[in-house]
């Protein structure tokens, strides 16, 4: 392949973007709002997780108690036969 057949990337001039002070403040405000929302979601998820774990633990304990009662009832029936 000859040099003239190679594809070349045209050079682009960098465009410098300038923001006004008001735009920067608006962006900072938006970032702050988003950070607050993320924090609230995180706290909400933590509370939900704790509530779910508590319900699961309660269900486990209830199931164990029911199974023990069932087992004791079956044993009593077997002993009575």
PDB file of N, CA and C in Angstrom:
ATOM      1  N   UNK A   1       0.848  -1.170   0.000  1.00  0.00           N
ATOM      2  CA  UNK A   1       0.000   0.000   0.000  1.00  0.00           C
ATOM      3  C   UNK A   1       0.900   1.241   0.000  1.00  0.00           C
ATOM      4  N   UNK A   2       0.602   2.122  -0.849  1.00  0.00           N
ATOM      5  CA  UNK A   2       1.414   3.337  -0.937  1.00  0.00           C
ATOM      6  C   UNK A   2       0.934   4.364   0.056  1.00  0.00           C
ATOM      7  N   UNK A   3       1.777   5.298   0.291  1.00  0.00           N
ATOM      8  CA  UNK A   3       1.462   6.345   1.266  1.00  0.00           C
ATOM      9  C   UNK A   3       0.228   7.141   0.877  1.00  0.00           C
ATOM     10  N   UNK A   4      -0.008   7.340  -0.355  1.00  0.00           N
ATOM     11  CA  UNK A   4      -1.141   8.158  -0.785  1.00  0.00           C
ATOM     12  C   UNK A   4      -2.467   7.440  -0.603  1.00  0.00           C
ATOM     13  N   UNK A   5      -2.434   6.098  -0.491  1.00  0.00           N
ATOM     14  CA  UNK A   5      -3.668   5.339  -0.313  1.00  0.00           C
ATOM     15  C   UNK A   5      -4.094   5.219   1.150  1.00  0.00           C
ATOM     16  N   UNK A   6      -3.238   5.558   2.073  1.00  0.00           N
ATOM     17  CA  UNK A   6      -3.588   5.453   3.490  1.00  0.00           C
ATOM     18  C   UNK A   6      -4.637   6.495   3.855  1.00  0.00           C
ATOM     19  N   UNK A   7      -5.543   6.047   4.727  1.00  0.00           N
ATOM     20  CA  UNK A   7      -6.549   7.001   5.203  1.00  0.00           C
ATOM     21  C   UNK A   7      -5.952   7.815   6.336  1.00  0.00           C
ATOM     22  N   UNK A   8      -6.201   9.050   6.300  1.00  0.00           N
ATOM     23  CA  UNK A   8      -5.695   9.931   7.345  1.00  0.00           C
ATOM     24  C   UNK A   8      -6.861  10.581   8.065  1.00  0.00           C
ATOM     25  N   UNK A   9      -6.696  10.741   9.351  1.00  0.00           N
ATOM     26  CA  UNK A   9      -7.715  11.422  10.134  1.00  0.00           C
ATOM     27  C   UNK A   9      -7.451  12.916  10.048  1.00  0.00           C
ATOM     28  N   UNK A  10      -8.445  13.645   9.595  1.00  0.00           N
ATOM     29  CA  UNK A  10      -8.216  15.097   9.519  1.00  0.00           C
ATOM     30  C   UNK A  10      -8.067  15.673  10.922  1.00  0.00           C
ATOM     31  N   UNK A  11      -7.202  16.594  11.054  1.00  0.00           N
ATOM     32  CA  UNK A  11      -7.015  17.206  12.370  1.00  0.00           C
ATOM     33  C   UNK A  11      -8.167  18.168  12.639  1.00  0.00           C
ATOM     34  N   UNK A  12      -8.647  18.107  13.866  1.00  0.00           N
ATOM     35  CA  UNK A  12      -9.754  18.974  14.261  1.00  0.00           C
ATOM     36  C   UNK A  12      -9.219  20.014  15.227  1.00  0.00           C
ATOM     37  N   UNK A  13      -9.689  21.188  15.073  1.00  0.00           N
ATOM     38  CA  UNK A  13      -9.312  22.225  16.010  1.00  0.00           C
ATOM     39  C   UNK A  13     -10.164  22.068  17.257  1.00  0.00           C
ATOM     40  N   UNK A  14      -9.528  22.169  18.393  1.00  0.00           N
ATOM     41  CA  UNK A  14     -10.264  22.078  19.649  1.00  0.00           C
ATOM     42  C   UNK A  14     -11.102  23.324  19.839  1.00  0.00           C
ATOM     43  N   UNK A  15     -12.341  23.081  20.206  1.00  0.00           N
ATOM     44  CA  UNK A  15     -13.203  24.216  20.494  1.00  0.00           C
ATOM     45  C   UNK A  15     -13.265  24.368  22.010  1.00  0.00           C
ATOM     46  N   UNK A  16     -12.982  25.518  22.463  1.00  0.00           N
ATOM     47  CA  UNK A  16     -13.015  25.788  23.892  1.00  0.00           C
ATOM     48  C   UNK A  16     -14.409  26.298  24.237  1.00  0.00           C
ATOM     49  N   UNK A  17     -15.046  25.560  25.121  1.00  0.00           N
ATOM     50  CA  UNK A  17     -16.395  25.930  25.522  1.00  0.00           C
ATOM     51  C   UNK A  17     -16.298  26.769  26.783  1.00  0.00           C
ATOM     52  N   UNK A  18     -16.960  27.852  26.767  1.00  0.00           N
ATOM     53  CA  UNK A  18     -16.976  28.698  27.963  1.00  0.00           C
ATOM     54  C   UNK A  18     -18.394  28.773  28.488  1.00  0.00           C
ATOM     55  N   UNK A  19     -18.494  28.659  29.797  1.00  0.00           N
ATOM     56  CA  UNK A  19     -19.790  28.756  30.447  1.00  0.00           C
ATOM     57  C   UNK A  19     -19.861  30.047  31.222  1.00  0.00           C
ATOM     58  N   UNK A  20     -21.056  30.532  31.270  1.00  0.00           N
ATOM     59  CA  UNK A  20     -21.249  31.726  32.088  1.00  0.00           C
ATOM     60  C   UNK A  20     -21.288  31.302  33.546  1.00  0.00           C
ATOM     61  N   UNK A  21     -21.119  32.243  34.415  1.00  0.00           N
ATOM     62  CA  UNK A  21     -21.160  31.984  35.852  1.00  0.00           C
ATOM     63  C   UNK A  21     -22.518  31.405  36.242  1.00  0.00           C
ATOM     64  N   UNK A  22     -23.578  31.903  35.628  1.00  0.00           N
ATOM     65  CA  UNK A  22     -24.923  31.414  35.918  1.00  0.00           C
ATOM     66  C   UNK A  22     -25.078  29.956  35.497  1.00  0.00           C
ATOM     67  N   UNK A  23     -24.519  29.585  34.355  1.00  0.00           N
ATOM     68  CA  UNK A  23     -24.585  28.203  33.882  1.00  0.00           C
ATOM     69  C   UNK A  23     -23.836  27.270  34.837  1.00  0.00           C
ATOM     70  N   UNK A  24     -22.671  27.721  35.287  1.00  0.00           N
ATOM     71  CA  UNK A  24     -21.903  26.912  36.236  1.00  0.00           C
ATOM     72  C   UNK A  24     -22.676  26.719  37.535  1.00  0.00           C
ATOM     73  N   UNK A  25     -23.301  27.792  38.022  1.00  0.00           N
ATOM     74  CA  UNK A  25     -24.092  27.691  39.251  1.00  0.00           C
ATOM     75  C   UNK A  25     -25.274  26.751  39.059  1.00  0.00           C
ATOM     76  N   UNK A  26     -25.906  26.818  37.899  1.00  0.00           N
ATOM     77  CA  UNK A  26     -27.043  25.952  37.612  1.00  0.00           C
ATOM     78  C   UNK A  26     -26.610  24.484  37.584  1.00  0.00           C
ATOM     79  N   UNK A  27     -25.483  24.215  36.974  1.00  0.00           N
ATOM     80  CA  UNK A  27     -24.958  22.854  36.918  1.00  0.00           C
ATOM     81  C   UNK A  27     -24.621  22.365  38.325  1.00  0.00           C
ATOM     82  N   UNK A  28     -23.975  23.200  39.123  1.00  0.00           N
ATOM     83  CA  UNK A  28     -23.650  22.823  40.500  1.00  0.00           C
ATOM     84  C   UNK A  28     -24.914  22.550  41.307  1.00  0.00           C
ATOM     85  N   UNK A  29     -25.936  23.356  41.078  1.00  0.00           N
ATOM     86  CA  UNK A  29     -27.216  23.156  41.770  1.00  0.00           C
ATOM     87  C   UNK A  29     -27.831  21.820  41.353  1.00  0.00           C
ATOM     88  N   UNK A  30     -27.812  21.527  40.060  1.00  0.00           N
ATOM     89  CA  UNK A  30     -28.353  20.260  39.555  1.00  0.00           C
ATOM     90  C   UNK A  30     -27.579  19.073  40.134  1.00  0.00           C
ATOM     91  N   UNK A  31     -26.272  19.184  40.185  1.00  0.00           N
ATOM     92  CA  UNK A  31     -25.436  18.120  40.755  1.00  0.00           C
ATOM     93  C   UNK A  31     -25.788  17.911  42.221  1.00  0.00           C
ATOM     94  N   UNK A  32     -25.957  18.988  42.942  1.00  0.00           N
ATOM     95  CA  UNK A  32     -26.312  18.907  44.363  1.00  0.00           C
ATOM     96  C   UNK A  32     -27.662  18.220  44.538  1.00  0.00           C
ATOM     97  N   UNK A  33     -28.640  18.570  43.699  1.00  0.00           N
ATOM     98  CA  UNK A  33     -29.953  17.938  43.772  1.00  0.00           C
ATOM     99  C   UNK A  33     -29.846  16.447  43.485  1.00  0.00           C
ATOM    100  N   UNK A  34     -29.066  16.086  42.494  1.00  0.00           N
ATOM    101  CA  UNK A  34     -28.887  14.674  42.160  1.00  0.00           C
ATOM    102  C   UNK A  34     -28.216  13.913  43.298  1.00  0.00           C
ATOM    103  N   UNK A  35     -27.216  14.534  43.925  1.00  0.00           N
ATOM    104  CA  UNK A  35     -26.553  13.893  45.053  1.00  0.00           C
ATOM    105  C   UNK A  35     -27.543  13.663  46.193  1.00  0.00           C
ATOM    106  N   UNK A  36     -28.410  14.633  46.459  1.00  0.00           N
ATOM    107  CA  UNK A  36     -29.428  14.480  47.499  1.00  0.00           C
ATOM    108  C   UNK A  36     -30.385  13.346  47.150  1.00  0.00           C
ATOM    109  N   UNK A  37     -30.790  13.269  45.883  1.00  0.00           N
ATOM    110  CA  UNK A  37     -31.706  12.211  45.451  1.00  0.00           C
ATOM    111  C   UNK A  37     -31.060  10.832  45.603  1.00  0.00           C
ATOM    112  N   UNK A  38     -29.794  10.724  45.224  1.00  0.00           N
ATOM    113  CA  UNK A  38     -29.086   9.448  45.356  1.00  0.00           C
ATOM    114  C   UNK A  38     -28.995   9.055  46.826  1.00  0.00           C
ATOM    115  N   UNK A  39     -28.702  10.017  47.692  1.00  0.00           N
ATOM    116  CA  UNK A  39     -28.615   9.735  49.121  1.00  0.00           C
ATOM    117  C   UNK A  39     -29.965   9.268  49.670  1.00  0.00           C
ATOM    118  N   UNK A  40     -31.055   9.923  49.255  1.00  0.00           N
ATOM    119  CA  UNK A  40     -32.392   9.532  49.703  1.00  0.00           C
ATOM    120  C   UNK A  40     -32.740   8.123  49.220  1.00  0.00           C
ATOM    121  N   UNK A  41     -32.404   7.814  47.979  1.00  0.00           N
ATOM    122  CA  UNK A  41     -32.668   6.479  47.435  1.00  0.00           C
ATOM    123  C   UNK A  41     -31.873   5.440  48.210  1.00  0.00           C
ATOM    124  N   UNK A  42     -30.623   5.754  48.490  1.00  0.00           N
ATOM    125  CA  UNK A  42     -29.774   4.828  49.233  1.00  0.00           C
ATOM    126  C   UNK A  42     -30.342   4.564  50.629  1.00  0.00           C
ATOM    127  N   UNK A  43     -30.768   5.612  51.308  1.00  0.00           N
ATOM    128  CA  UNK A  43     -31.359   5.454  52.642  1.00  0.00           C
ATOM    129  C   UNK A  43     -32.646   4.646  52.562  1.00  0.00           C
ATOM    130  N   UNK A  44     -33.450   4.926  51.563  1.00  0.00           N
ATOM    131  CA  UNK A  44     -34.705   4.208  51.381  1.00  0.00           C
ATOM    132  C   UNK A  44     -34.453   2.725  51.133  1.00  0.00           C
ATOM    133  N   UNK A  45     -33.465   2.427  50.321  1.00  0.00           N
ATOM    134  CA  UNK A  45     -33.124   1.027  50.047  1.00  0.00           C
ATOM    135  C   UNK A  45     -32.642   0.327  51.308  1.00  0.00           C
ATOM    136  N   UNK A  46     -31.872   1.038  52.114  1.00  0.00           N
ATOM    137  CA  UNK A  46     -31.363   0.456  53.363  1.00  0.00           C
ATOM    138  C   UNK A  46     -32.509   0.135  54.312  1.00  0.00           C
ATOM    139  N   UNK A  47     -33.460   1.059  54.435  1.00  0.00           N
ATOM    140  CA  UNK A  47     -34.619   0.837  55.301  1.00  0.00           C
ATOM    141  C   UNK A  47     -35.436  -0.337  54.779  1.00  0.00           C
ATOM    142  N   UNK A  48     -35.668  -0.366  53.466  1.00  0.00           N
ATOM    143  CA  UNK A  48     -36.436  -1.455  52.857  1.00  0.00           C
ATOM    144  C   UNK A  48     -35.746  -2.795  53.078  1.00  0.00           C
ATOM    145  N   UNK A  49     -34.429  -2.814  52.928  1.00  0.00           N
ATOM    146  CA  UNK A  49     -33.669  -4.050  53.139  1.00  0.00           C
ATOM    147  C   UNK A  49     -33.835  -4.525  54.580  1.00  0.00           C
ATOM    148  N   UNK A  50     -33.705  -3.613  55.519  1.00  0.00           N
ATOM    149  CA  UNK A  50     -33.838  -3.979  56.934  1.00  0.00           C
ATOM    150  C   UNK A  50     -35.244  -4.493  57.237  1.00  0.00           C
ATOM    151  N   UNK A  51     -36.263  -3.844  56.660  1.00  0.00           N
ATOM    152  CA  UNK A  51     -37.639  -4.289  56.879  1.00  0.00           C
ATOM    153  C   UNK A  51     -37.849  -5.687  56.295  1.00  0.00           C
ATOM    154  N   UNK A  52     -37.322  -5.923  55.108  1.00  0.00           N
ATOM    155  CA  UNK A  52     -37.476  -7.223  54.464  1.00  0.00           C
ATOM    156  C   UNK A  52     -36.750  -8.308  55.258  1.00  0.00           C
ATOM    157  N   UNK A  53     -35.551  -8.011  55.729  1.00  0.00           N
ATOM    158  CA  UNK A  53     -34.811  -8.987  56.530  1.00  0.00           C
ATOM    159  C   UNK A  53     -35.565  -9.312  57.814  1.00  0.00           C
ATOM    160  N   UNK A  54     -36.171  -8.317  58.420  1.00  0.00           N
ATOM    161  CA  UNK A  54     -36.946  -8.527  59.636  1.00  0.00           C
ATOM    162  C   UNK A  54     -38.157  -9.417  59.353  1.00  0.00           C
ATOM    163  N   UNK A  55     -38.842  -9.162  58.235  1.00  0.00           N
ATOM    164  CA  UNK A  55     -40.002  -9.984  57.863  1.00  0.00           C
ATOM    165  C   UNK A  55     -39.582 -11.418  57.564  1.00  0.00           C
ATOM    166  N   UNK A  56     -38.466 -11.586  56.881  1.00  0.00           N
ATOM    167  CA  UNK A  56     -37.976 -12.931  56.569  1.00  0.00           C
ATOM    168  C   UNK A  56     -37.631 -13.665  57.854  1.00  0.00           C
ATOM    169  N   UNK A  57     -36.945 -12.994  58.763  1.00  0.00           N
ATOM    170  CA  UNK A  57     -36.596 -13.615  60.042  1.00  0.00           C
ATOM    171  C   UNK A  57     -37.854 -14.007  60.818  1.00  0.00           C
ATOM    172  N   UNK A  58     -38.854 -13.131  60.816  1.00  0.00           N
ATOM    173  CA  UNK A  58     -40.109 -13.428  61.494  1.00  0.00           C
ATOM    174  C   UNK A  58     -40.799 -14.636  60.862  1.00  0.00           C
ATOM    175  N   UNK A  59     -40.782 -14.686  59.546  1.00  0.00           N
ATOM    176  CA  UNK A  59     -41.395 -15.827  58.845  1.00  0.00           C
ATOM    177  C   UNK A  59     -40.659 -17.123  59.152  1.00  0.00           C
ATOM    178  N   UNK A  60     -39.332 -17.053  59.198  1.00  0.00           N
ATOM    179  CA  UNK A  60     -38.540 -18.246  59.541  1.00  0.00           C
ATOM    180  C   UNK A  60     -38.900 -18.742  60.933  1.00  0.00           C
ATOM    181  N   UNK A  61     -38.966 -17.815  61.893  1.00  0.00           N
ATOM    182  CA  UNK A  61     -39.281 -18.194  63.272  1.00  0.00           C
ATOM    183  C   UNK A  61     -40.683 -18.783  63.368  1.00  0.00           C
ATOM    184  N   UNK A  62     -41.617 -18.185  62.654  1.00  0.00           N
ATOM    185  CA  UNK A  62     -42.988 -18.685  62.659  1.00  0.00           C
ATOM    186  C   UNK A  62     -43.048 -20.079  62.040  1.00  0.00           C
ATOM    187  N   UNK A  63     -42.347 -20.277  60.951  1.00  0.00           N
ATOM    188  CA  UNK A  63     -42.323 -21.581  60.296  1.00  0.00           C
ATOM    189  C   UNK A  63     -41.695 -22.638  61.201  1.00  0.00           C
ATOM    190  N   UNK A  64     -40.599 -22.277  61.858  1.00  0.00           N
ATOM    191  CA  UNK A  64     -39.949 -23.216  62.783  1.00  0.00           C
ATOM    192  C   UNK A  64     -40.906 -23.603  63.899  1.00  0.00           C
ATOM    193  N   UNK A  65     -41.612 -22.612  64.443  1.00  0.00           N
ATOM    194  CA  UNK A  65     -42.559 -22.865  65.526  1.00  0.00           C
ATOM    195  C   UNK A  65     -43.685 -23.777  65.039  1.00  0.00           C
ATOM    196  N   UNK A  66     -44.214 -23.492  63.850  1.00  0.00           N
ATOM    197  CA  UNK A  66     -45.278 -24.336  63.297  1.00  0.00           C
ATOM    198  C   UNK A  66     -44.794 -25.760  63.058  1.00  0.00           C
ATOM    199  N   UNK A  67     -43.576 -25.891  62.555  1.00  0.00           N
ATOM    200  CA  UNK A  67     -43.026 -27.218  62.293  1.00  0.00           C
ATOM    201  C   UNK A  67     -42.813 -27.984  63.597  1.00  0.00           C
ATOM    202  N   UNK A  68     -42.340 -27.307  64.620  1.00  0.00           N
ATOM    203  CA  UNK A  68     -42.154 -27.950  65.927  1.00  0.00           C
ATOM    204  C   UNK A  68     -43.500 -28.403  66.478  1.00  0.00           C
ATOM    205  N   UNK A  69     -44.512 -27.544  66.351  1.00  0.00           N
ATOM    206  CA  UNK A  69     -45.855 -27.903  66.811  1.00  0.00           C
ATOM    207  C   UNK A  69     -46.397 -29.098  66.042  1.00  0.00           C
ATOM    208  N   UNK A  70     -46.198 -29.102  64.748  1.00  0.00           N
ATOM    209  CA  UNK A  70     -46.637 -30.214  63.914  1.00  0.00           C
ATOM    210  C   UNK A  70     -45.922 -31.495  64.320  1.00  0.00           C
ATOM    211  N   UNK A  71     -44.609 -31.372  64.520  1.00  0.00           N
ATOM    212  CA  UNK A  71     -43.794 -32.533  64.923  1.00  0.00           C
ATOM    213  C   UNK A  71     -44.257 -33.074  66.273  1.00  0.00           C
ATOM    214  N   UNK A  72     -44.492 -32.166  67.234  1.00  0.00           N
ATOM    215  CA  UNK A  72     -44.961 -32.586  68.563  1.00  0.00           C
ATOM    216  C   UNK A  72     -46.335 -33.241  68.464  1.00  0.00           C
ATOM    217  N   UNK A  73     -47.210 -32.690  67.638  1.00  0.00           N
ATOM    218  CA  UNK A  73     -48.545 -33.267  67.452  1.00  0.00           C
ATOM    219  C   UNK A  73     -48.473 -34.654  66.829  1.00  0.00           C
ATOM    220  N   UNK A  74     -47.611 -34.812  65.847  1.00  0.00           N
ATOM    221  CA  UNK A  74     -47.451 -36.117  65.199  1.00  0.00           C
ATOM    222  C   UNK A  74     -46.894 -37.132  66.199  1.00  0.00           C
ATOM    223  N   UNK A  75     -45.940 -36.689  67.000  1.00  0.00           N
ATOM    224  CA  UNK A  75     -45.340 -37.585  67.994  1.00  0.00           C
ATOM    225  C   UNK A  75     -46.391 -38.030  69.011  1.00  0.00           C
ATOM    226  N   UNK A  76     -47.219 -37.073  69.464  1.00  0.00           N
ATOM    227  CA  UNK A  76     -48.272 -37.391  70.427  1.00  0.00           C
ATOM    228  C   UNK A  76     -49.261 -38.368  69.811  1.00  0.00           C
ATOM    229  N   UNK A  77     -49.611 -38.182  68.537  1.00  0.00           N
ATOM    230  CA  UNK A  77     -50.519 -39.097  67.868  1.00  0.00           C
ATOM    231  C   UNK A  77     -49.912 -40.490  67.740  1.00  0.00           C
ATOM    232  N   UNK A  78     -48.630 -40.540  67.433  1.00  0.00           N
ATOM    233  CA  UNK A  78     -47.946 -41.819  67.269  1.00  0.00           C
ATOM    234  C   UNK A  78     -47.855 -42.549  68.618  1.00  0.00           C
ATOM    235  N   UNK A  79     -47.599 -41.778  69.696  1.00  0.00           N
ATOM    236  CA  UNK A  79     -47.510 -42.382  71.019  1.00  0.00           C
ATOM    237  C   UNK A  79     -48.877 -42.888  71.494  1.00  0.00           C
ATOM    238  N   UNK A  80     -49.950 -42.258  71.041  1.00  0.00           N
ATOM    239  CA  UNK A  80     -51.292 -42.616  71.447  1.00  0.00           C
ATOM    240  C   UNK A  80     -51.836 -43.807  70.709  1.00  0.00           C
ATOM    241  N   UNK A  81     -51.154 -44.206  69.666  1.00  0.00           N
ATOM    242  CA  UNK A  81     -51.666 -45.342  68.866  1.00  0.00           C
ATOM    243  C   UNK A  81     -51.414 -46.647  69.562  1.00  0.00           C
TER     244      UNK A  81
END
